[in-house]
Protein backbone atom coordinates (compact mmCIF):
# COMPACT_ATOMS: atom_id res chain seq x y z
CA MET A 1 0.00 -0.01 -0.01
CA ARG A 2 1.08 3.51 -0.83
CA ALA A 3 1.27 5.94 2.12
CA MET A 4 -0.86 9.23 1.90
CA PRO A 5 1.15 12.21 1.60
CA VAL A 6 1.39 14.22 4.97
CA VAL A 7 0.68 17.58 3.37
CA GLY A 8 -2.70 16.41 2.18
CA THR A 9 -3.55 15.29 5.65
CA ILE A 10 -2.58 18.54 7.27
CA THR A 11 -4.51 20.48 4.67
CA CYS A 12 -7.57 18.40 5.28
CA LEU A 13 -7.30 18.82 9.08
CA LEU A 14 -7.04 22.63 8.67
CA PHE A 15 -10.05 22.69 6.38
CA VAL A 16 -12.19 20.55 8.69
CA GLY A 17 -11.25 22.91 11.63
CA ALA A 18 -12.21 25.84 9.59
CA CYS A 19 -15.52 24.38 8.62
CA SER A 20 -16.40 23.20 12.07
CA SER A 21 -15.94 26.63 13.63
CA PRO A 22 -19.46 27.94 14.51
CA ALA A 23 -20.45 31.10 12.53
CA HIS A 24 -21.66 34.06 14.58
CA ARG A 25 -25.07 35.13 13.64
CA SER A 26 -26.59 38.38 14.22
CA GLY A 27 -28.55 38.32 17.51
CA ASP A 28 -26.43 35.53 19.10
CA ALA A 29 -24.62 36.28 22.28
CA ALA A 30 -21.27 37.66 21.71
CA PRO A 31 -18.39 35.40 22.64
CA ALA A 32 -17.16 35.64 26.17
CA GLY A 33 -14.65 38.39 26.55
CA SER A 34 -15.83 40.48 23.63
CA PRO A 35 -16.95 43.93 24.69
CA GLU A 36 -20.70 44.53 24.84
CA GLN A 37 -21.92 47.06 22.32
CA THR A 38 -23.98 49.61 24.34
CA THR A 39 -26.27 51.63 22.20
CA SER A 40 -26.64 54.89 24.06
CA ALA A 41 -29.80 56.36 22.89
CA PRO A 42 -29.45 60.12 22.73
CA THR A 43 -31.76 61.79 25.18
CA THR A 44 -34.05 63.86 23.16
CA GLY A 45 -35.19 66.29 25.78
CA THR A 46 -37.98 68.33 24.34
CA SER A 47 -36.57 71.46 25.67
CA ALA A 48 -39.73 73.47 26.01
CA SER A 49 -38.95 76.70 24.42
CA PRO A 50 -39.59 79.26 27.09
CA THR A 51 -43.00 80.62 26.59
CA SER A 52 -42.12 84.19 26.25
CA ALA A 53 -44.96 85.78 28.09
CA SER A 54 -45.51 88.83 26.20
CA PRO A 55 -44.80 91.63 28.59
CA THR A 56 -48.01 92.87 29.93
CA SER A 57 -48.07 96.38 28.88
CA SER A 58 -50.01 97.89 31.69
CA SER A 59 -52.44 100.03 29.89
CA PRO A 60 -52.41 103.47 31.44
CA SER A 61 -55.47 104.10 33.52
CA ALA A 62 -57.93 106.23 31.86
CA ARG A 63 -57.23 109.85 32.60
CA PRO A 64 -59.85 112.47 33.21
CA SER A 65 -60.61 114.59 30.24
CA GLY A 66 -58.95 117.93 30.10
CA SER A 67 -62.13 119.81 30.95
CA ALA A 68 -61.98 120.91 34.53
CA THR A 69 -64.81 119.90 36.69
CA SER A 70 -65.81 122.48 39.20
CA THR A 71 -66.18 121.04 42.68
CA ALA A 72 -69.22 121.99 44.55
CA LEU A 73 -68.46 124.43 47.29
CA VAL A 74 -69.47 123.74 50.88
CA LEU A 75 -70.34 126.57 53.31
CA GLY A 76 -69.02 126.04 56.82
CA PRO A 77 -68.26 125.67 59.57
CA ASN A 78 -65.32 128.09 59.08
CA GLY A 79 -65.95 129.49 55.66
CA LEU A 80 -66.32 128.86 51.94
CA GLY A 81 -63.34 127.24 50.29
CA SER A 82 -60.27 129.40 51.05
CA LEU A 83 -62.43 132.36 52.33
CA LYS A 84 -62.61 132.09 56.06
CA LEU A 85 -64.58 133.95 58.87
CA GLY A 86 -62.15 136.36 60.61
CA MET A 87 -59.95 137.02 57.65
CA SER A 88 -58.79 140.65 57.20
CA ARG A 89 -59.95 142.60 54.18
CA GLU A 90 -56.48 142.14 52.60
CA GLN A 91 -56.38 138.34 53.34
CA ALA A 92 -59.87 137.95 51.86
CA THR A 93 -59.00 139.88 48.72
CA ALA A 94 -55.82 137.76 48.28
CA THR A 95 -57.91 134.57 47.98
CA GLY A 96 -59.10 135.79 44.59
CA MET A 97 -62.71 134.76 45.34
CA LEU A 98 -64.10 138.23 45.73
CA ARG A 99 -64.97 141.21 43.66
CA PRO A 100 -63.53 144.48 45.03
CA PHE A 101 -64.86 145.66 48.40
CA ALA A 102 -66.97 148.78 48.41
CA ALA A 103 -65.94 151.54 50.76
CA TYR A 104 -66.62 150.97 54.48
CA ARG A 105 -70.04 152.02 55.50
CA ASP A 106 -69.96 152.65 59.21
CA GLU A 107 -68.44 149.49 60.67
CA CYS A 108 -68.54 147.11 57.60
CA ALA A 109 -67.65 146.88 53.88
CA LEU A 110 -69.41 144.74 51.35
CA ALA A 111 -68.10 142.61 48.49
CA GLN A 112 -69.54 139.79 46.32
CA LEU A 113 -68.19 136.31 45.60
CA ARG A 114 -66.65 136.51 42.06
CA SER A 115 -68.49 133.37 40.97
CA ALA A 116 -71.91 134.47 42.15
CA PRO A 117 -74.62 136.09 40.01
CA ALA A 118 -75.58 139.70 40.62
CA ASP A 119 -77.06 140.47 44.04
CA ARG A 120 -75.98 137.15 45.42
CA GLY A 121 -73.02 135.82 47.34
CA ASN A 122 -72.60 138.91 49.58
CA VAL A 123 -69.59 138.96 51.99
CA ASN A 124 -69.26 141.49 54.78
CA VAL A 125 -65.98 142.40 56.36
CA SER A 126 -66.08 144.10 59.76
CA ARG A 127 -63.34 146.55 60.99
CA THR A 128 -63.16 144.61 64.24
CA LEU A 129 -64.09 141.06 63.35
CA GLY A 130 -62.70 140.67 59.78
CA ILE A 131 -64.83 138.60 57.55
CA ALA A 132 -68.14 138.40 59.46
CA THR A 133 -70.76 137.03 56.99
CA ILE A 134 -70.64 134.88 53.87
CA ASP A 135 -73.77 134.20 51.87
CA ALA A 136 -74.51 131.01 49.98
CA TYR A 137 -75.89 131.02 46.45
CA GLY A 138 -76.97 128.43 43.82
CA SER A 139 -75.99 124.89 44.70
CA ILE A 140 -73.75 125.62 47.65
CA THR A 141 -74.68 123.50 50.62
CA THR A 142 -73.68 123.17 54.27
CA PRO A 143 -71.92 119.98 55.31
CA GLU A 144 -75.18 118.78 56.59
CA GLY A 145 -76.94 119.18 53.29
CA ALA A 146 -78.94 122.42 53.76
CA ARG A 147 -79.24 124.69 50.62
CA ILE A 148 -81.20 127.44 49.05
CA GLY A 149 -84.33 126.10 47.37
CA MET A 150 -85.01 123.19 49.76
CA SER A 151 -88.26 123.02 51.66
CA SER A 152 -88.57 124.58 55.16
CA ALA A 153 -89.57 121.16 56.39
CA GLY A 154 -86.45 119.66 54.98
CA MET A 155 -84.29 122.31 56.55
CA LEU A 156 -85.93 121.75 59.93
CA ARG A 157 -85.22 117.93 59.69
CA ILE A 158 -81.46 118.84 59.19
CA TYR A 159 -81.52 121.61 61.91
CA PRO A 160 -84.28 120.89 64.34
CA GLY A 161 -82.55 123.59 66.56
CA TRP A 162 -83.31 126.34 64.17
CA LYS A 163 -84.89 129.26 66.12
CA VAL A 164 -87.17 131.68 64.38
CA ALA A 165 -86.36 135.41 65.04
CA ASP A 166 -89.05 136.91 62.76
CA GLY A 167 -92.22 135.29 61.28
CA ASP A 168 -92.43 131.45 61.23
CA ALA A 169 -90.82 128.39 59.71
CA ALA A 170 -92.62 128.80 56.35
CA ASN A 171 -92.17 132.59 56.05
CA GLY A 172 -89.50 133.97 58.36
CA ARG A 173 -85.93 134.33 59.41
CA GLY A 174 -83.97 132.53 62.13
CA SER A 175 -80.65 130.90 63.02
CA VAL A 176 -79.14 127.70 64.23
CA LYS A 177 -75.63 127.03 65.83
CA THR A 178 -73.16 125.98 63.33
CA PRO A 179 -72.01 122.44 64.03
CA GLY A 180 -68.20 122.58 64.43
CA ASN A 181 -67.93 126.27 65.29
CA ASP A 182 -69.38 127.59 68.45
CA LYS A 183 -68.73 131.15 67.43
CA ALA A 184 -70.84 130.93 64.27
CA VAL A 185 -74.43 130.49 63.24
CA TYR A 186 -76.27 129.70 60.03
CA ARG A 187 -78.77 132.43 59.36
CA ILE A 188 -81.59 130.90 57.31
CA ALA A 189 -84.51 132.74 55.75
CA THR A 190 -87.68 131.15 54.19
CA ARG A 191 -90.56 132.17 52.02
CA ASN A 192 -93.62 130.21 51.06
CA GLY A 193 -92.16 127.06 52.72
CA THR A 194 -88.84 127.27 50.84
CA VAL A 195 -85.33 128.32 51.98
CA THR A 196 -84.43 131.59 50.21
CA GLU A 197 -81.33 132.75 52.09
CA LEU A 198 -78.42 130.83 53.76
CA THR A 199 -75.62 132.62 55.48
CA LEU A 200 -72.62 131.62 57.62
CA GLN A 201 -71.87 134.33 60.08
CA TYR A 202 -70.45 135.17 63.48
CA ALA A 203 -73.09 134.98 66.10
CA ASN A 204 -71.99 138.45 67.23
CA GLN A 205 -71.53 140.01 63.82
CA ASN A 206 -72.03 143.75 63.66
CA CYS A 207 -72.88 144.39 60.05
CA TYR A 208 -76.72 144.06 60.07
CA GLU A 209 -79.62 143.04 62.41
C-alpha cells in the first residue's frame, strides 16, 4: 500500500477545523470576553422653548378729560373754600374769590363772591371782626346738606334747633348754631315754605340786624 502524503492530511485537518468553527449570527450572544456594544440612545429632551410671556403692557389708567370739573363748594363751619371767617380785608382779597370791596359804610364793607350772580353771594368784612358774614348761592350746601331752594320742612329735619327770630318756619328768618364752630351760626330765611337765604356768620356779627 502507498502511504498518503502528509501535506494532504494537514490540509484536510485545517479545512475541517475551519468548517467546524461555528459562525456568529446576528442576534447571538457575543463570545465571552468580547466587549458589549452599548447603544446609548441620545436623550431627546424636548426642551420646552420658554414661553415668552409677552410683557403685559399695563395700559395706562384712563385719565380724566382735560375739561376741569368744578367742585361744589361747601359753606361752613369756618368759611367757603379758602375764604374764612375772621380774615382781614387784605387776606380775603388775596384769595381771589371776591370782587372788589366797596368803601366801608360805618363798621363794615361789602363785596361779592366773584363766581356768584348779581345780588348774590354777599360777603361782609367788619373793621373789628374781619370777614363776618358769607352768603351761599346756587347749589352751595352746608356739610349737613342744607341749601337754598330746599323746603322749610327739610331744613328743619336737618336743623331741628333752628330758632325763628321773625315770622315762622314757612315765612320767616332765624338761626341755628353751626356744628363745628361755636362762634358761628347759620342764618336761614324762608318764603312760602322754601329756603331763600343761607348765610354763615359770626353769632356776634355787627354788620346788620
